[in-house]
Structures are given as C-alpha cells and as structure tokens.
Amino acid sequence: MHGEVDHNQGTLPIQTERFYLALKGHGARVRYVTLPYESHRYASRETLLHVAAEFVTWFDRYVKGAGPRATTATGKRAMRECGSG
C-alpha cells in the first residue's frame, strides 16, 4: 500500500512499484494498492477504512484461514538449531 503523492525521499512510490514487480517476478503472491490523494501519512477517513479493510482481508486469507505450513527436513533442522521445535 502506498500513497500516490508520497514525496518522502525514503519511500517514493516508484520504489514500492519496483519492489512489487521484483517480488511478482520471483513468483511471490503480492498485491500493490495505491491510495489516491494520500501522502506518507494517510489522512482521509475513506483511506483509513480502506487500509483497515485491506489488513483484515489479508489476515483472514493468510493467517486466520491458512492451513498448516508444509515443513521440509531442512526447515525442521534449522528450527532445532535455533532451539525451537
């Protein structure tokens, strides 16, 4: 998510677009949402409601409704080395 008129030097919209395209190019499941008339800090009520709805949808899809994650032998070994699992 990114405000269309964000002029913060550290988070220009072009950087977010490039990051999105790079992730998508590597096969990641991504979504890029631009927020019209918004800068770095979102201000309008409609935008804040939109952002909240995007977060709820994401959590419902990828956290709440997500099934168990498949683990590999390598993943289990790495978890043991870290002291968990």
N, C-alpha and C. Protein backbone atom coordinates (compact mmCIF):
# COMPACT_ATOMS: atom_id res chain seq x y z
N MET A 1 0.84 -1.16 0.00
CA MET A 1 0.00 0.00 0.00
C MET A 1 0.89 1.23 0.00
N HIS A 2 0.48 2.17 -0.80
CA HIS A 2 1.30 3.37 -0.90
C HIS A 2 0.45 4.55 -1.32
N GLY A 3 0.69 5.71 -0.70
CA GLY A 3 0.02 6.93 -1.10
C GLY A 3 0.56 7.40 -2.44
N GLU A 4 -0.32 7.79 -3.34
CA GLU A 4 0.10 8.21 -4.68
C GLU A 4 0.96 9.47 -4.67
N VAL A 5 0.77 10.35 -3.69
CA VAL A 5 1.52 11.61 -3.67
C VAL A 5 2.54 11.65 -2.53
N ASP A 6 3.09 10.51 -2.19
CA ASP A 6 4.12 10.42 -1.14
C ASP A 6 5.43 10.98 -1.67
N HIS A 7 5.90 12.06 -1.08
CA HIS A 7 7.15 12.69 -1.51
C HIS A 7 8.28 12.45 -0.52
N ASN A 8 8.08 11.54 0.42
CA ASN A 8 9.13 11.19 1.37
C ASN A 8 10.27 10.54 0.59
N GLN A 9 11.47 11.08 0.70
CA GLN A 9 12.61 10.60 -0.09
C GLN A 9 12.93 9.12 0.16
N GLY A 10 12.60 8.61 1.31
CA GLY A 10 12.90 7.21 1.62
C GLY A 10 11.86 6.23 1.12
N THR A 11 10.71 6.74 0.72
CA THR A 11 9.62 5.84 0.32
C THR A 11 8.85 6.36 -0.88
N LEU A 12 9.55 6.72 -1.92
CA LEU A 12 8.87 7.19 -3.12
C LEU A 12 8.05 6.07 -3.75
N PRO A 13 6.91 6.38 -4.36
CA PRO A 13 6.06 5.34 -4.96
C PRO A 13 6.81 4.45 -5.96
N ILE A 14 7.76 5.00 -6.70
CA ILE A 14 8.49 4.19 -7.69
C ILE A 14 9.26 3.05 -7.01
N GLN A 15 9.75 3.29 -5.78
CA GLN A 15 10.47 2.23 -5.06
C GLN A 15 9.51 1.08 -4.71
N THR A 16 8.32 1.44 -4.28
CA THR A 16 7.34 0.42 -3.94
C THR A 16 6.92 -0.36 -5.18
N GLU A 17 6.73 0.35 -6.29
CA GLU A 17 6.36 -0.33 -7.54
C GLU A 17 7.45 -1.29 -7.98
N ARG A 18 8.69 -0.88 -7.88
CA ARG A 18 9.80 -1.77 -8.27
C ARG A 18 9.91 -2.98 -7.35
N PHE A 19 9.71 -2.77 -6.06
CA PHE A 19 9.75 -3.88 -5.11
C PHE A 19 8.62 -4.87 -5.42
N TYR A 20 7.44 -4.33 -5.68
CA TYR A 20 6.29 -5.17 -6.05
C TYR A 20 6.60 -6.01 -7.29
N LEU A 21 7.14 -5.36 -8.33
CA LEU A 21 7.45 -6.06 -9.58
C LEU A 21 8.53 -7.11 -9.37
N ALA A 22 9.52 -6.81 -8.52
CA ALA A 22 10.57 -7.79 -8.24
C ALA A 22 10.00 -9.02 -7.53
N LEU A 23 9.16 -8.78 -6.53
CA LEU A 23 8.54 -9.91 -5.83
C LEU A 23 7.67 -10.73 -6.76
N LYS A 24 6.86 -10.04 -7.56
CA LYS A 24 5.98 -10.73 -8.50
C LYS A 24 6.79 -11.52 -9.52
N GLY A 25 7.91 -10.94 -9.96
CA GLY A 25 8.78 -11.62 -10.92
C GLY A 25 9.38 -12.90 -10.38
N HIS A 26 9.49 -12.98 -9.05
CA HIS A 26 10.03 -14.19 -8.41
C HIS A 26 8.92 -15.15 -7.98
N GLY A 27 7.71 -14.86 -8.41
CA GLY A 27 6.60 -15.77 -8.14
C GLY A 27 5.89 -15.55 -6.82
N ALA A 28 6.17 -14.47 -6.12
CA ALA A 28 5.50 -14.22 -4.84
C ALA A 28 4.05 -13.82 -5.08
N ARG A 29 3.22 -14.11 -4.14
CA ARG A 29 1.82 -13.69 -4.19
C ARG A 29 1.75 -12.30 -3.56
N VAL A 30 1.62 -11.29 -4.38
CA VAL A 30 1.66 -9.91 -3.91
C VAL A 30 0.48 -9.12 -4.44
N ARG A 31 0.20 -8.01 -3.79
CA ARG A 31 -0.85 -7.09 -4.20
C ARG A 31 -0.33 -5.69 -3.94
N TYR A 32 -0.46 -4.81 -4.92
CA TYR A 32 0.01 -3.43 -4.80
C TYR A 32 -1.20 -2.52 -4.83
N VAL A 33 -1.41 -1.79 -3.76
CA VAL A 33 -2.55 -0.91 -3.63
C VAL A 33 -2.05 0.53 -3.54
N THR A 34 -2.51 1.39 -4.43
CA THR A 34 -2.17 2.81 -4.33
C THR A 34 -3.37 3.56 -3.77
N LEU A 35 -3.07 4.53 -2.94
CA LEU A 35 -4.10 5.31 -2.28
C LEU A 35 -4.11 6.71 -2.87
N PRO A 36 -5.14 7.05 -3.64
CA PRO A 36 -5.17 8.35 -4.32
C PRO A 36 -5.23 9.51 -3.33
N TYR A 37 -4.56 10.58 -3.69
CA TYR A 37 -4.54 11.84 -2.93
C TYR A 37 -3.91 11.71 -1.56
N GLU A 38 -3.21 10.63 -1.28
CA GLU A 38 -2.59 10.45 0.04
C GLU A 38 -1.08 10.56 -0.04
N SER A 39 -0.50 11.13 1.00
CA SER A 39 0.94 11.28 1.09
C SER A 39 1.50 10.15 1.95
N HIS A 40 2.56 10.43 2.71
CA HIS A 40 3.21 9.40 3.52
C HIS A 40 2.32 8.96 4.68
N ARG A 41 1.64 9.91 5.27
CA ARG A 41 0.71 9.60 6.36
C ARG A 41 -0.71 9.73 5.83
N TYR A 42 -1.46 8.64 5.92
CA TYR A 42 -2.81 8.64 5.38
C TYR A 42 -3.72 9.46 6.29
N ALA A 43 -4.61 10.26 5.70
CA ALA A 43 -5.40 11.19 6.50
C ALA A 43 -6.91 11.04 6.31
N SER A 44 -7.37 10.76 5.12
CA SER A 44 -8.82 10.78 4.90
C SER A 44 -9.49 9.55 5.53
N ARG A 45 -10.71 9.76 5.93
CA ARG A 45 -11.47 8.68 6.56
C ARG A 45 -11.62 7.49 5.61
N GLU A 46 -11.91 7.77 4.34
CA GLU A 46 -12.09 6.71 3.36
C GLU A 46 -10.82 5.87 3.22
N THR A 47 -9.68 6.54 3.20
CA THR A 47 -8.41 5.82 3.08
C THR A 47 -8.15 4.96 4.30
N LEU A 48 -8.38 5.50 5.49
CA LEU A 48 -8.15 4.73 6.71
C LEU A 48 -9.05 3.50 6.76
N LEU A 49 -10.29 3.64 6.31
CA LEU A 49 -11.19 2.48 6.26
C LEU A 49 -10.72 1.47 5.21
N HIS A 50 -10.23 1.97 4.09
CA HIS A 50 -9.70 1.09 3.04
C HIS A 50 -8.50 0.31 3.55
N VAL A 51 -7.59 1.00 4.23
CA VAL A 51 -6.40 0.34 4.79
C VAL A 51 -6.81 -0.73 5.79
N ALA A 52 -7.75 -0.40 6.68
CA ALA A 52 -8.22 -1.38 7.66
C ALA A 52 -8.83 -2.60 6.97
N ALA A 53 -9.62 -2.36 5.93
CA ALA A 53 -10.23 -3.47 5.19
C ALA A 53 -9.18 -4.34 4.51
N GLU A 54 -8.14 -3.71 3.95
CA GLU A 54 -7.05 -4.47 3.33
C GLU A 54 -6.35 -5.35 4.36
N PHE A 55 -6.08 -4.81 5.55
CA PHE A 55 -5.42 -5.59 6.60
C PHE A 55 -6.29 -6.76 7.05
N VAL A 56 -7.57 -6.52 7.27
CA VAL A 56 -8.48 -7.59 7.70
C VAL A 56 -8.55 -8.68 6.64
N THR A 57 -8.66 -8.30 5.39
CA THR A 57 -8.71 -9.27 4.29
C THR A 57 -7.44 -10.10 4.25
N TRP A 58 -6.29 -9.44 4.40
CA TRP A 58 -5.01 -10.15 4.36
C TRP A 58 -4.92 -11.15 5.51
N PHE A 59 -5.27 -10.71 6.74
CA PHE A 59 -5.20 -11.62 7.89
C PHE A 59 -6.18 -12.77 7.74
N ASP A 60 -7.39 -12.49 7.24
CA ASP A 60 -8.35 -13.56 7.03
C ASP A 60 -7.83 -14.59 6.04
N ARG A 61 -7.18 -14.14 4.99
CA ARG A 61 -6.71 -15.04 3.95
C ARG A 61 -5.44 -15.79 4.34
N TYR A 62 -4.46 -15.08 4.90
CA TYR A 62 -3.14 -15.67 5.10
C TYR A 62 -2.82 -16.07 6.54
N VAL A 63 -3.63 -15.67 7.49
CA VAL A 63 -3.36 -16.04 8.87
C VAL A 63 -4.52 -16.88 9.41
N LYS A 64 -5.68 -16.30 9.48
CA LYS A 64 -6.83 -16.99 10.05
C LYS A 64 -7.25 -18.21 9.24
N GLY A 65 -7.32 -18.07 7.93
CA GLY A 65 -7.79 -19.16 7.09
C GLY A 65 -6.69 -20.04 6.54
N ALA A 66 -5.45 -19.75 6.91
CA ALA A 66 -4.33 -20.51 6.36
C ALA A 66 -4.26 -21.88 7.03
N GLY A 67 -4.01 -22.87 6.22
CA GLY A 67 -3.82 -24.21 6.75
C GLY A 67 -2.41 -24.34 7.32
N PRO A 68 -2.08 -25.51 7.84
CA PRO A 68 -0.74 -25.71 8.38
C PRO A 68 0.30 -25.58 7.29
N ARG A 69 1.44 -25.02 7.63
CA ARG A 69 2.52 -24.84 6.67
C ARG A 69 3.28 -26.15 6.50
N ALA A 70 3.62 -26.45 5.27
CA ALA A 70 4.42 -27.64 5.00
C ALA A 70 5.85 -27.38 5.45
N THR A 71 6.45 -28.35 6.11
CA THR A 71 7.84 -28.20 6.53
C THR A 71 8.69 -29.21 5.79
N THR A 72 9.92 -28.86 5.60
CA THR A 72 10.87 -29.76 4.96
C THR A 72 11.87 -30.23 6.00
N ALA A 73 12.63 -31.23 5.65
CA ALA A 73 13.66 -31.72 6.57
C ALA A 73 14.63 -30.60 6.91
N THR A 74 14.99 -29.78 5.93
CA THR A 74 15.91 -28.68 6.16
C THR A 74 15.29 -27.67 7.13
N GLY A 75 14.01 -27.36 6.94
CA GLY A 75 13.33 -26.41 7.82
C GLY A 75 13.27 -26.91 9.25
N LYS A 76 13.02 -28.22 9.44
CA LYS A 76 12.97 -28.79 10.79
C LYS A 76 14.35 -28.73 11.43
N ARG A 77 15.40 -29.02 10.66
CA ARG A 77 16.75 -28.97 11.20
C ARG A 77 17.10 -27.56 11.63
N ALA A 78 16.75 -26.58 10.80
CA ALA A 78 17.07 -25.19 11.12
C ALA A 78 16.33 -24.76 12.39
N MET A 79 15.09 -25.23 12.56
CA MET A 79 14.33 -24.88 13.77
C MET A 79 14.99 -25.48 15.00
N ARG A 80 15.49 -26.72 14.90
CA ARG A 80 16.16 -27.35 16.04
C ARG A 80 17.44 -26.61 16.39
N GLU A 81 18.17 -26.17 15.38
CA GLU A 81 19.42 -25.46 15.63
C GLU A 81 19.17 -24.14 16.35
N CYS A 82 18.00 -23.55 16.14
CA CYS A 82 17.67 -22.28 16.80
C CYS A 82 17.12 -22.51 18.19
N GLY A 83 16.89 -23.77 18.56
CA GLY A 83 16.41 -24.07 19.89
C GLY A 83 14.90 -24.22 19.98
N SER A 84 14.19 -24.18 18.87
CA SER A 84 12.74 -24.37 18.93
C SER A 84 12.38 -25.60 18.11
N GLY A 85 11.24 -26.21 18.41
CA GLY A 85 10.72 -27.33 17.62
C GLY A 85 11.26 -28.61 17.99
